[in-house]
Amino acid sequence: MKFKKLLPLFVALLTLCVSAQNKTFSYSKIQTRNEVQEWGEKETIQKQNVSFSADKINLNIDKKYCLTIISKTHLPDKSIIYLCKDEKSNPVTVTLIRNTKMYLYSKSKRFLINFDS
């Protein structure tokens, strides 16, 4: 009898734990957009990691980004749009596409990062 009353609580707790898990992806190639909004050639860099937690995104591209997640929107194709603020409270948008690549938009900077397999 008590189990039936606590079941919704367990389900909610399990859902929260699963959604709050950290994700880490590695990458060694990035692309940037030029002034006419065309993607440039892939640039090979030293292997880096991007980590997503429940409230933070940390990565290093042209500088170290320590982003605080303000909101996130789940898209139907298993992608997520994160609206964030950087250390100076500047808006940054990160779009995670099916755990395979991400886009980062910060002021006039545009990055495309394809994750290593």
Protein backbone atom coordinates (compact mmCIF):
# COMPACT_ATOMS: atom_id res chain seq x y z
CA MET A 1 0.00 0.00 0.00
CA LYS A 2 2.78 2.45 0.93
CA PHE A 3 4.64 1.55 -2.26
CA LYS A 4 1.72 2.71 -4.41
CA LYS A 5 1.72 6.07 -2.62
CA LEU A 6 5.48 6.51 -3.05
CA LEU A 7 5.65 5.35 -6.67
CA PRO A 8 5.07 8.83 -8.19
CA LEU A 9 7.81 10.22 -5.96
CA PHE A 10 10.27 7.54 -7.10
CA VAL A 11 9.41 8.15 -10.76
CA ALA A 12 9.91 11.91 -10.38
CA LEU A 13 13.22 11.40 -8.58
CA LEU A 14 14.45 8.96 -11.23
CA THR A 15 13.49 11.39 -14.01
CA LEU A 16 15.36 14.21 -12.29
CA CYS A 17 18.48 12.07 -11.82
CA VAL A 18 18.52 10.93 -15.44
CA SER A 19 18.04 14.43 -16.85
CA ALA A 20 20.71 15.91 -14.58
CA GLN A 21 23.45 13.54 -15.69
CA ASN A 22 26.60 15.11 -17.03
CA LYS A 23 27.53 14.68 -20.68
CA THR A 24 31.07 15.06 -21.97
CA PHE A 25 32.07 15.07 -25.64
CA SER A 26 35.50 15.34 -27.22
CA TYR A 27 36.34 17.24 -30.38
CA SER A 28 39.42 18.05 -32.43
CA LYS A 29 37.94 19.99 -35.35
CA ILE A 30 36.03 23.26 -35.42
CA GLN A 31 34.61 25.52 -38.08
CA THR A 32 33.89 29.23 -37.88
CA ARG A 33 31.69 31.50 -39.93
CA ASN A 34 33.19 34.37 -41.88
CA GLU A 35 31.77 37.84 -42.37
CA VAL A 36 29.47 36.67 -45.21
CA GLN A 37 28.11 33.89 -42.98
CA GLU A 38 29.80 31.01 -44.83
CA TRP A 39 31.34 28.15 -42.87
CA GLY A 40 35.11 28.09 -43.26
CA GLU A 41 37.35 25.07 -43.64
CA LYS A 42 37.59 22.63 -40.76
CA GLU A 43 40.41 23.60 -38.44
CA THR A 44 42.21 20.84 -36.57
CA ILE A 45 42.99 21.71 -32.98
CA GLN A 46 44.36 19.91 -29.95
CA LYS A 47 41.78 17.46 -28.60
CA GLN A 48 39.34 19.29 -26.30
CA ASN A 49 36.28 18.37 -24.26
CA VAL A 50 32.94 20.05 -23.75
CA SER A 51 30.99 19.13 -20.64
CA PHE A 52 27.30 19.67 -20.07
CA SER A 53 25.86 19.52 -16.56
CA ALA A 54 22.41 20.43 -15.29
CA ASP A 55 23.30 24.12 -15.01
CA LYS A 56 26.70 24.66 -16.71
CA ILE A 57 28.48 24.16 -20.03
CA ASN A 58 32.29 24.30 -20.07
CA LEU A 59 34.47 24.28 -23.17
CA ASN A 60 37.50 25.92 -24.76
CA ILE A 61 37.42 27.17 -28.36
CA ASP A 62 38.95 30.58 -28.99
CA LYS A 63 38.82 31.16 -25.23
CA LYS A 64 37.57 29.30 -22.19
CA TYR A 65 33.78 29.39 -21.95
CA CYS A 66 32.16 28.76 -18.56
CA LEU A 67 28.49 29.15 -19.39
CA THR A 68 25.56 29.23 -17.00
CA ILE A 69 22.42 27.69 -18.50
CA ILE A 70 19.45 30.05 -18.26
CA SER A 71 16.96 27.87 -20.15
CA LYS A 72 16.87 24.90 -22.46
CA THR A 73 14.45 23.81 -25.13
CA HIS A 74 14.17 20.19 -26.20
CA LEU A 75 13.54 19.74 -29.92
CA PRO A 76 11.70 16.76 -31.43
CA ASP A 77 14.85 15.36 -33.09
CA LYS A 78 16.62 14.84 -29.72
CA SER A 79 18.42 18.15 -30.03
CA ILE A 80 18.57 20.83 -27.33
CA ILE A 81 18.90 24.61 -27.52
CA TYR A 82 20.61 26.15 -24.47
CA LEU A 83 20.28 29.87 -23.75
CA CYS A 84 23.24 30.77 -21.55
CA LYS A 85 25.22 33.60 -20.02
CA ASP A 86 29.01 33.73 -19.98
CA GLU A 87 31.19 34.98 -17.12
CA LYS A 88 30.42 38.60 -18.06
CA SER A 89 26.65 37.94 -18.42
CA ASN A 90 26.81 38.13 -22.21
CA PRO A 91 24.20 35.97 -23.95
CA VAL A 92 25.48 32.79 -25.59
CA THR A 93 23.38 30.23 -27.47
CA VAL A 94 24.48 26.60 -27.70
CA THR A 95 22.62 24.09 -29.85
CA LEU A 96 23.40 20.44 -29.23
CA ILE A 97 22.40 18.32 -32.23
CA ARG A 98 21.67 14.67 -31.33
CA ASN A 99 24.92 14.35 -29.33
CA THR A 100 26.90 14.49 -32.60
CA LYS A 101 27.70 18.18 -33.01
CA MET A 102 27.04 21.58 -31.53
CA TYR A 103 26.77 25.20 -32.60
CA LEU A 104 27.89 28.06 -30.36
CA TYR A 105 26.80 31.66 -31.00
CA SER A 106 28.40 34.42 -28.94
CA LYS A 107 28.12 38.01 -30.11
CA SER A 108 29.50 37.94 -33.68
CA LYS A 109 31.34 34.62 -33.17
CA ARG A 110 29.87 31.48 -34.72
CA PHE A 111 31.35 28.01 -34.17
CA LEU A 112 30.42 24.56 -35.44
CA ILE A 113 31.95 21.67 -33.50
CA ASN A 114 31.64 18.09 -34.73
CA PHE A 115 32.23 15.60 -31.93
CA ASP A 116 34.78 12.81 -32.36
CA SER A 117 33.32 9.32 -32.64
